[in-house]
N, C-alpha and C. Protein backbone atom coordinates (compact mmCIF):
# COMPACT_ATOMS: atom_id res chain seq x y z
N UNK A 1 189.45 162.76 187.53
CA UNK A 1 189.80 162.74 186.16
C UNK A 1 190.94 161.81 185.87
N UNK A 2 191.55 161.54 186.81
CA UNK A 2 192.65 160.62 186.72
C UNK A 2 192.18 159.25 186.28
N UNK A 3 191.12 158.83 186.81
CA UNK A 3 190.56 157.53 186.46
C UNK A 3 190.08 157.53 185.04
N UNK A 4 189.55 158.63 184.64
CA UNK A 4 189.04 158.70 183.28
C UNK A 4 190.20 158.72 182.30
N UNK A 5 191.22 159.48 182.62
CA UNK A 5 192.34 159.54 181.71
C UNK A 5 193.05 158.20 181.67
N UNK A 6 193.09 157.49 182.69
CA UNK A 6 193.69 156.16 182.71
C UNK A 6 192.85 155.19 181.90
N UNK A 7 191.54 155.34 181.99
CA UNK A 7 190.64 154.49 181.23
C UNK A 7 190.74 154.85 179.76
N UNK A 8 190.87 156.17 179.48
CA UNK A 8 191.01 156.60 178.10
C UNK A 8 192.33 156.14 177.52
N UNK A 9 193.38 156.18 178.36
CA UNK A 9 194.67 155.71 177.91
C UNK A 9 194.60 154.22 177.62
N UNK A 10 193.91 153.54 178.44
CA UNK A 10 193.74 152.11 178.29
C UNK A 10 192.96 151.82 177.02
N UNK A 11 191.99 152.60 176.79
CA UNK A 11 191.17 152.41 175.62
C UNK A 11 191.97 152.71 174.37
N UNK A 12 192.78 153.75 174.39
CA UNK A 12 193.59 154.11 173.24
C UNK A 12 194.64 153.01 173.03
N UNK A 13 195.25 152.59 174.13
CA UNK A 13 196.21 151.49 174.01
C UNK A 13 195.53 150.23 173.48
N UNK A 14 194.42 149.97 174.07
CA UNK A 14 193.64 148.77 173.66
C UNK A 14 193.24 148.91 172.19
N UNK A 15 192.80 150.13 171.81
CA UNK A 15 192.40 150.38 170.43
C UNK A 15 193.57 150.19 169.47
N UNK A 16 194.74 150.72 169.84
CA UNK A 16 195.93 150.58 169.00
C UNK A 16 196.33 149.10 168.89
N UNK A 17 196.21 148.42 170.01
CA UNK A 17 196.54 146.99 170.01
C UNK A 17 195.57 146.23 169.11
N UNK A 18 194.30 146.53 169.25
CA UNK A 18 193.28 145.88 168.41
C UNK A 18 193.48 146.24 166.94
N UNK A 19 193.81 147.47 166.66
CA UNK A 19 194.04 147.92 165.29
C UNK A 19 195.26 147.20 164.70
N UNK A 20 196.30 147.06 165.54
CA UNK A 20 197.50 146.36 165.09
C UNK A 20 197.17 144.90 164.81
N UNK A 21 196.40 144.28 165.73
CA UNK A 21 195.98 142.88 165.54
C UNK A 21 195.12 142.75 164.28
N UNK A 22 194.22 143.69 164.11
CA UNK A 22 193.34 143.67 162.94
C UNK A 22 194.15 143.82 161.67
N UNK A 23 195.10 144.71 161.67
CA UNK A 23 195.96 144.92 160.51
C UNK A 23 196.77 143.66 160.21
N UNK A 24 197.32 143.02 161.25
CA UNK A 24 198.08 141.79 161.10
C UNK A 24 197.19 140.67 160.52
N UNK A 25 195.96 140.58 161.05
CA UNK A 25 195.03 139.56 160.55
C UNK A 25 194.64 139.84 159.10
N UNK A 26 194.48 141.11 158.75
CA UNK A 26 194.13 141.48 157.37
C UNK A 26 195.27 141.08 156.43
N UNK A 27 196.50 141.36 156.83
CA UNK A 27 197.66 140.99 156.02
C UNK A 27 197.78 139.46 155.91
N UNK A 28 197.50 138.79 157.02
CA UNK A 28 197.55 137.32 157.01
C UNK A 28 196.48 136.77 156.07
N UNK A 29 195.27 137.36 156.15
CA UNK A 29 194.17 136.93 155.27
C UNK A 29 194.54 137.18 153.81
N UNK A 30 195.13 138.32 153.49
CA UNK A 30 195.55 138.62 152.12
C UNK A 30 196.61 137.62 151.66
N UNK A 31 197.54 137.30 152.56
CA UNK A 31 198.59 136.32 152.21
C UNK A 31 197.96 134.96 151.96
N UNK A 32 196.97 134.59 152.79
CA UNK A 32 196.28 133.30 152.61
C UNK A 32 195.53 133.30 151.29
N UNK A 33 194.84 134.43 150.99
CA UNK A 33 194.09 134.51 149.73
C UNK A 33 195.04 134.45 148.53
N UNK A 34 196.16 135.12 148.62
CA UNK A 34 197.15 135.06 147.53
C UNK A 34 197.70 133.64 147.38
N UNK A 35 198.00 133.02 148.50
CA UNK A 35 198.49 131.64 148.45
C UNK A 35 197.43 130.72 147.87
N UNK A 36 196.17 130.97 148.29
CA UNK A 36 195.06 130.15 147.77
C UNK A 36 194.95 130.34 146.26
N UNK A 37 195.07 131.57 145.80
CA UNK A 37 194.99 131.87 144.37
C UNK A 37 196.14 131.19 143.62
N UNK A 38 197.34 131.29 144.17
CA UNK A 38 198.50 130.64 143.56
C UNK A 38 198.31 129.11 143.53
N UNK A 39 197.82 128.59 144.64
CA UNK A 39 197.57 127.14 144.70
C UNK A 39 196.50 126.72 143.70
N UNK A 40 195.48 127.55 143.53
CA UNK A 40 194.41 127.23 142.58
C UNK A 40 194.97 127.21 141.15
N UNK A 41 195.83 128.19 140.81
CA UNK A 41 196.46 128.23 139.49
C UNK A 41 197.33 126.99 139.29
N UNK A 42 198.12 126.67 140.31
CA UNK A 42 198.99 125.49 140.23
C UNK A 42 198.16 124.22 140.11
N UNK A 43 197.07 124.15 140.88
CA UNK A 43 196.19 122.99 140.82
C UNK A 43 195.57 122.84 139.43
N UNK A 44 195.12 123.95 138.87
CA UNK A 44 194.53 123.90 137.52
C UNK A 44 195.56 123.45 136.48
N UNK A 45 196.80 123.93 136.62
CA UNK A 45 197.87 123.48 135.71
C UNK A 45 198.11 121.99 135.86
N UNK A 46 198.16 121.52 137.12
CA UNK A 46 198.35 120.09 137.37
C UNK A 46 197.19 119.28 136.79
N UNK A 47 196.01 119.82 136.92
CA UNK A 47 194.82 119.15 136.40
C UNK A 47 194.91 119.01 134.87
N UNK A 48 195.32 120.09 134.20
CA UNK A 48 195.50 120.06 132.74
C UNK A 48 196.58 119.05 132.37
N UNK A 49 197.70 119.07 133.09
CA UNK A 49 198.78 118.12 132.82
C UNK A 49 198.32 116.67 133.04
N UNK A 50 197.53 116.48 134.09
CA UNK A 50 197.01 115.12 134.35
C UNK A 50 196.11 114.66 133.21
N UNK A 51 195.24 115.56 132.73
CA UNK A 51 194.37 115.22 131.60
C UNK A 51 195.19 114.90 130.35
N UNK A 52 196.23 115.69 130.10
CA UNK A 52 197.10 115.43 128.95
C UNK A 52 197.83 114.10 129.10
N UNK A 53 198.29 113.81 130.31
CA UNK A 53 198.98 112.54 130.56
C UNK A 53 198.03 111.36 130.36
N UNK A 54 196.80 111.51 130.83
CA UNK A 54 195.80 110.44 130.64
C UNK A 54 195.51 110.26 129.15
N UNK A 55 195.38 111.38 128.44
CA UNK A 55 195.12 111.32 127.00
C UNK A 55 196.28 110.63 126.27
N UNK A 56 197.51 111.02 126.61
CA UNK A 56 198.70 110.38 125.99
C UNK A 56 198.73 108.90 126.34
N UNK A 57 198.43 108.57 127.57
CA UNK A 57 198.41 107.17 128.01
C UNK A 57 197.40 106.38 127.18
N UNK A 58 196.21 106.94 126.99
CA UNK A 58 195.18 106.28 126.19
C UNK A 58 195.63 106.11 124.74
N UNK A 59 196.30 107.16 124.20
CA UNK A 59 196.79 107.07 122.82
C UNK A 59 197.84 105.98 122.69
N UNK A 60 198.73 105.91 123.68
CA UNK A 60 199.78 104.88 123.65
C UNK A 60 199.15 103.50 123.75
N UNK A 61 198.18 103.34 124.62
CA UNK A 61 197.49 102.04 124.75
C UNK A 61 196.79 101.67 123.45
N UNK A 62 196.16 102.67 122.84
CA UNK A 62 195.48 102.41 121.56
C UNK A 62 196.48 102.00 120.48
N UNK A 63 197.61 102.73 120.42
CA UNK A 63 198.65 102.39 119.44
C UNK A 63 199.21 101.00 119.72
N UNK A 64 199.40 100.69 120.99
CA UNK A 64 199.90 99.36 121.38
C UNK A 64 198.91 98.28 120.94
N UNK A 65 197.61 98.52 121.17
CA UNK A 65 196.59 97.56 120.76
C UNK A 65 196.59 97.37 119.25
N UNK A 66 196.73 98.48 118.52
CA UNK A 66 196.78 98.38 117.06
C UNK A 66 198.01 97.61 116.61
N UNK A 67 199.13 97.88 117.24
CA UNK A 67 200.37 97.16 116.90
C UNK A 67 200.23 95.68 117.20
N UNK A 68 199.67 95.37 118.35
CA UNK A 68 199.47 93.96 118.71
C UNK A 68 198.55 93.27 117.70
N UNK A 69 197.47 93.96 117.31
CA UNK A 69 196.55 93.40 116.32
C UNK A 69 197.28 93.19 114.99
N UNK A 70 198.11 94.15 114.62
CA UNK A 70 198.88 94.02 113.37
C UNK A 70 199.85 92.84 113.46
N UNK A 71 200.51 92.71 114.60
CA UNK A 71 201.45 91.60 114.78
C UNK A 71 200.71 90.27 114.69
N UNK A 72 199.53 90.20 115.31
CA UNK A 72 198.73 88.96 115.25
C UNK A 72 198.37 88.65 113.79
N UNK A 73 197.98 89.68 113.03
CA UNK A 73 197.65 89.48 111.62
C UNK A 73 198.87 89.00 110.84
N UNK A 74 200.03 89.61 111.11
CA UNK A 74 201.26 89.21 110.42
C UNK A 74 201.60 87.75 110.74
N UNK A 75 201.44 87.38 112.00
CA UNK A 75 201.72 85.99 112.39
C UNK A 75 200.75 85.03 111.71
N UNK A 76 199.47 85.41 111.66
CA UNK A 76 198.48 84.56 110.97
C UNK A 76 198.84 84.43 109.49
N UNK A 77 199.21 85.55 108.87
CA UNK A 77 199.58 85.53 107.46
C UNK A 77 200.82 84.67 107.24
N UNK A 78 201.80 84.78 108.15
CA UNK A 78 203.02 83.97 108.07
C UNK A 78 202.67 82.49 108.17
N UNK A 79 201.81 82.15 109.13
CA UNK A 79 201.39 80.76 109.29
C UNK A 79 200.67 80.26 108.03
N UNK A 80 199.79 81.12 107.50
CA UNK A 80 199.06 80.75 106.30
C UNK A 80 200.02 80.53 105.13
N UNK A 81 200.99 81.44 105.00
CA UNK A 81 201.97 81.30 103.92
C UNK A 81 202.83 80.06 104.12
N UNK A 82 203.13 79.74 105.36
CA UNK A 82 203.90 78.52 105.66
C UNK A 82 203.11 77.28 105.24
N UNK A 83 201.81 77.29 105.53
CA UNK A 83 200.97 76.15 105.13
C UNK A 83 200.89 76.06 103.60
N UNK A 84 200.75 77.21 102.95
CA UNK A 84 200.72 77.21 101.49
C UNK A 84 202.03 76.70 100.93
N UNK A 85 203.15 77.13 101.52
CA UNK A 85 204.46 76.67 101.07
C UNK A 85 204.57 75.15 101.24
N UNK A 86 204.11 74.65 102.39
CA UNK A 86 204.14 73.20 102.61
C UNK A 86 203.29 72.46 101.59
N UNK A 87 202.11 73.03 101.27
CA UNK A 87 201.26 72.41 100.26
C UNK A 87 201.94 72.42 98.90
N UNK A 88 202.59 73.55 98.55
CA UNK A 88 203.28 73.64 97.27
C UNK A 88 204.43 72.63 97.22
N UNK A 89 205.15 72.49 98.33
CA UNK A 89 206.26 71.53 98.38
C UNK A 89 205.73 70.12 98.18
N UNK A 90 204.61 69.80 98.84
CA UNK A 90 204.02 68.45 98.68
C UNK A 90 203.59 68.23 97.23
N UNK A 91 202.94 69.24 96.65
CA UNK A 91 202.50 69.11 95.25
C UNK A 91 203.70 68.98 94.33
N UNK A 92 204.75 69.75 94.60
CA UNK A 92 205.96 69.67 93.78
C UNK A 92 206.59 68.29 93.89
N UNK A 93 206.61 67.74 95.10
CA UNK A 93 207.15 66.39 95.28
C UNK A 93 206.33 65.37 94.49
N UNK A 94 205.00 65.53 94.51
CA UNK A 94 204.15 64.62 93.73
C UNK A 94 204.43 64.77 92.25
N UNK A 95 204.55 66.02 91.79
CA UNK A 95 204.83 66.28 90.37
C UNK A 95 206.17 65.67 89.99
N UNK A 96 207.17 65.83 90.86
CA UNK A 96 208.49 65.27 90.58
C UNK A 96 208.42 63.74 90.50
N UNK A 97 207.63 63.12 91.38
CA UNK A 97 207.48 61.66 91.34
C UNK A 97 206.81 61.24 90.03
N UNK A 98 205.75 61.98 89.65
CA UNK A 98 205.06 61.68 88.39
C UNK A 98 206.01 61.90 87.23
N UNK A 99 206.79 62.99 87.27
CA UNK A 99 207.74 63.28 86.19
C UNK A 99 208.77 62.16 86.08
N UNK A 100 209.33 61.77 87.25
CA UNK A 100 210.33 60.69 87.24
C UNK A 100 209.72 59.40 86.73
N UNK A 101 208.48 59.13 87.16
CA UNK A 101 207.79 57.92 86.71
C UNK A 101 207.55 57.98 85.20
N UNK A 102 207.08 59.15 84.72
CA UNK A 102 206.83 59.32 83.29
C UNK A 102 208.12 59.21 82.50
N UNK A 103 209.18 59.83 83.03
CA UNK A 103 210.47 59.76 82.35
C UNK A 103 210.94 58.31 82.24
N UNK A 104 210.77 57.58 83.33
CA UNK A 104 211.16 56.16 83.32
C UNK A 104 210.33 55.38 82.31
N UNK A 105 209.02 55.63 82.28
CA UNK A 105 208.16 54.95 81.32
C UNK A 105 208.54 55.31 79.88
N UNK A 106 208.84 56.60 79.64
CA UNK A 106 209.22 57.04 78.30
C UNK A 106 210.53 56.37 77.88
N UNK A 107 211.49 56.30 78.81
CA UNK A 107 212.77 55.66 78.50
C UNK A 107 212.57 54.18 78.19
N UNK A 108 211.71 53.54 78.97
CA UNK A 108 211.44 52.11 78.71
C UNK A 108 210.77 51.94 77.35
N UNK A 109 209.78 52.80 77.06
CA UNK A 109 209.08 52.72 75.77
C UNK A 109 210.05 53.00 74.63
N UNK A 110 210.95 53.97 74.82
CA UNK A 110 211.93 54.30 73.79
C UNK A 110 212.85 53.11 73.52
N UNK A 111 213.34 52.50 74.61
CA UNK A 111 214.20 51.32 74.42
C UNK A 111 213.45 50.21 73.69
N UNK A 112 212.18 50.04 74.07
CA UNK A 112 211.39 49.00 73.41
C UNK A 112 211.21 49.33 71.93
N UNK A 113 210.94 50.61 71.61
CA UNK A 113 210.78 51.01 70.22
C UNK A 113 212.07 50.82 69.44
N UNK A 114 213.18 51.25 70.04
CA UNK A 114 214.47 51.11 69.36
C UNK A 114 214.77 49.64 69.13
N UNK A 115 214.55 48.84 70.16
CA UNK A 115 214.79 47.40 70.02
C UNK A 115 213.87 46.81 68.96
N UNK A 116 212.59 47.25 69.00
CA UNK A 116 211.63 46.75 67.99
C UNK A 116 212.02 47.17 66.59
N UNK A 117 212.44 48.44 66.44
CA UNK A 117 212.85 48.92 65.11
C UNK A 117 214.08 48.16 64.65
N UNK A 118 215.03 47.93 65.58
CA UNK A 118 216.24 47.17 65.22
C UNK A 118 215.87 45.76 64.75
N UNK A 119 214.92 45.15 65.46
CA UNK A 119 214.50 43.79 65.07
C UNK A 119 213.82 43.82 63.72
N UNK A 120 212.95 44.82 63.53
CA UNK A 120 212.26 44.92 62.23
C UNK A 120 213.29 45.19 61.14
N UNK A 121 214.25 46.07 61.43
CA UNK A 121 215.29 46.37 60.44
C UNK A 121 216.10 45.13 60.11
N UNK A 122 216.38 44.34 61.13
CA UNK A 122 217.14 43.13 60.91
C UNK A 122 216.40 42.14 60.04
N UNK A 123 215.09 42.03 60.21
CA UNK A 123 214.30 41.09 59.43
C UNK A 123 214.12 41.55 57.99
N UNK A 124 214.10 42.85 57.79
CA UNK A 124 213.88 43.34 56.42
C UNK A 124 215.18 43.83 55.79
N UNK A 125 216.30 43.51 56.39
CA UNK A 125 217.57 44.02 55.88
C UNK A 125 217.90 43.49 54.49
N UNK A 126 217.33 42.38 54.12
CA UNK A 126 217.62 41.85 52.80
C UNK A 126 216.87 42.62 51.72
N UNK A 127 215.84 43.34 52.14
CA UNK A 127 215.12 44.15 51.16
C UNK A 127 215.88 45.41 50.81
N UNK A 128 215.45 45.99 49.71
CA UNK A 128 216.07 47.20 49.20
C UNK A 128 216.00 48.33 50.23
N UNK A 129 216.93 49.22 50.25
CA UNK A 129 217.05 50.41 51.10
C UNK A 129 217.40 50.09 52.55
N UNK A 130 217.54 48.83 52.91
CA UNK A 130 217.92 48.52 54.29
C UNK A 130 219.28 47.87 54.32
N UNK A 131 219.96 47.88 53.25
CA UNK A 131 221.23 47.18 53.19
C UNK A 131 222.26 47.92 53.99
N UNK A 132 222.45 48.75 54.51
CA UNK A 132 223.55 49.38 55.24
C UNK A 132 223.36 49.39 56.73
N UNK A 133 222.68 48.46 57.32
CA UNK A 133 222.56 48.37 58.77
C UNK A 133 221.26 48.89 59.32
N UNK A 134 220.20 48.82 58.61
CA UNK A 134 218.89 49.20 59.15
C UNK A 134 218.56 50.65 58.89
N UNK A 135 217.81 51.21 59.77
CA UNK A 135 217.39 52.61 59.62
C UNK A 135 218.58 53.54 59.83
N UNK A 136 218.53 54.71 59.20
CA UNK A 136 219.60 55.67 59.39
C UNK A 136 219.72 56.06 60.87
N UNK A 137 220.93 56.29 61.33
CA UNK A 137 221.19 56.64 62.73
C UNK A 137 221.64 58.11 62.79
N UNK A 138 221.47 58.69 63.98
CA UNK A 138 221.86 60.08 64.17
C UNK A 138 222.78 60.19 65.38
N UNK A 139 223.81 60.99 65.22
CA UNK A 139 224.70 61.26 66.35
C UNK A 139 224.09 62.33 67.27
N UNK A 140 223.17 63.10 66.73
CA UNK A 140 222.58 64.21 67.45
C UNK A 140 221.44 63.76 68.36
N UNK A 141 220.63 62.78 67.91
CA UNK A 141 219.44 62.38 68.65
C UNK A 141 219.63 61.03 69.31
N UNK A 142 218.88 60.85 70.41
CA UNK A 142 218.87 59.56 71.10
C UNK A 142 217.44 59.21 71.44
N UNK A 143 217.23 57.96 71.78
CA UNK A 143 215.91 57.53 72.23
C UNK A 143 214.86 57.64 71.14
N UNK A 144 213.67 58.08 71.53
CA UNK A 144 212.54 58.17 70.62
C UNK A 144 212.82 59.13 69.49
N UNK A 145 213.55 60.17 69.77
CA UNK A 145 213.91 61.13 68.72
C UNK A 145 214.78 60.47 67.65
N UNK A 146 215.65 59.58 68.05
CA UNK A 146 216.51 58.88 67.10
C UNK A 146 215.67 57.97 66.21
N UNK A 147 214.67 57.30 66.80
CA UNK A 147 213.80 56.43 66.00
C UNK A 147 213.05 57.26 64.97
N UNK A 148 212.49 58.42 65.41
CA UNK A 148 211.78 59.27 64.47
C UNK A 148 212.70 59.77 63.36
N UNK A 149 213.92 60.12 63.71
CA UNK A 149 214.92 60.56 62.72
C UNK A 149 215.16 59.46 61.70
N UNK A 150 215.34 58.23 62.19
CA UNK A 150 215.61 57.11 61.29
C UNK A 150 214.47 56.86 60.33
N UNK A 151 213.24 56.93 60.85
CA UNK A 151 212.07 56.68 59.98
C UNK A 151 211.94 57.78 58.95
N UNK A 152 212.16 59.06 59.36
CA UNK A 152 212.03 60.19 58.42
C UNK A 152 213.11 60.10 57.35
N UNK A 153 214.33 59.83 57.73
CA UNK A 153 215.43 59.79 56.76
C UNK A 153 215.36 58.56 55.85
N UNK A 154 214.70 57.50 56.29
CA UNK A 154 214.59 56.28 55.49
C UNK A 154 213.72 56.49 54.26
N UNK A 155 212.72 57.30 54.37
CA UNK A 155 211.77 57.45 53.27
C UNK A 155 212.30 58.20 52.17
């Protein structure tokens, strides 16, 4: 019986050892499952954050593209307005040249008219109504306006 009791003791010891090992492995498995669950939750959160970051990145790129397109449009508009301004300046310069030319022609014609009226007045000064030095003169008007004043006041 001694052998049997030793074998039974061995079996009980072995059983307790196996039970302890089994319990340790069960606790380890539970810890691994809990860690896996925690890691899965963390992974899902990271996944959501990554999707949000990608979405924000795409939105920023889209906004940047829109801004760049707007800047390109503004630059084109600025260039167009610059060309229009240059055209207006050229047209204004042409108008000023024509104005100066016309003014010069008008002044020449006025001098010619005044000189012509003076000559006519001088030739007809012996006639009635021209005895006081030709056509009436004005201190207010000059040039062609003075000639018109003289003719109107003479009648």
